[in-house]
Amino acid sequence: MVLSDNQDVLNMFPHGPARIVLAIPRPKSGKNIAAKERKVGRVPSILFEQENGQEGGNKKLISVQTKQIKKLVDHLGRSFFLSRLFEVEVRSEDGVVLEKIRALPRKLHLHAGTDAVLNVTFLRAPSSALLKVDVPLVFRGDDVCPGLRKGSYLNTIKRTVKYLCPADIVPPYIDVDLSELDVGQKLLARDLNVHPALKLLVSPDQPVCNIMGARASDQQKKSK
């Protein structure tokens, strides 16, 4: 994502404290139970642990509010939602807070035709946890990028990059600086500026973006 395309999203969810997601306990699983939950405006969800980047146990069945999750996904976009820590506040039917759990959305299942939220899986994120996260990239500096100012264009190869992150240092996004890129130059995964505690889980030589020459359509316009 180029910064100028979606500044509102970043303003809405800057780096900072976890936002609250409301939930209630769900005693059973199964297709019939899930269908009933969706009919009353809830999304069947699961909380579980991940140890050293591997999915573990300690599963807890919950249901979250459909309207709240849909609003978050619509405003943030899927990749930003899946890289954001939330505080899941589990309440009883009469509103009593039973448990507060810091968690990271791990999987989001949407209906293929309507984009309705069908399921959400959350990872518990205590300070001791190491979490695999596909962190979204935000491209900045396009307004002063030498290559772009010459009429070339940005070829975005990766929109997210996977890291193993300590739970206290999960970045909701990574800034990618384009301000010094000229025509033909590229940025690799190893060039990204991240906290030293983050472990890159893809090849450091994997290209993230490059500055390409003018598109064929643009060249044809100039020749006319």
Foldseek 3Di string as FASTA:
>chain_A
DECVVAVVLCVVDPPDDAAEWEKEFDPDDDDVSLVVQVVVFKAWEWEFAAAPAHTDGPITTIITGQVVVVVNCVSNPDQLQQLGWHWYFYAYPVGHTDDTFIWGWHDWDADPPPRRTHYIYIYGADQAHWHKGFAFEYEYQCVQQAAVVVQWDKFFDDGTFIKTHRSVFRHSHFYDYRNDAHEPDFAFQLNTDGDPRIGGPDDRRHTGMHTYGHDPVVVVVVVD
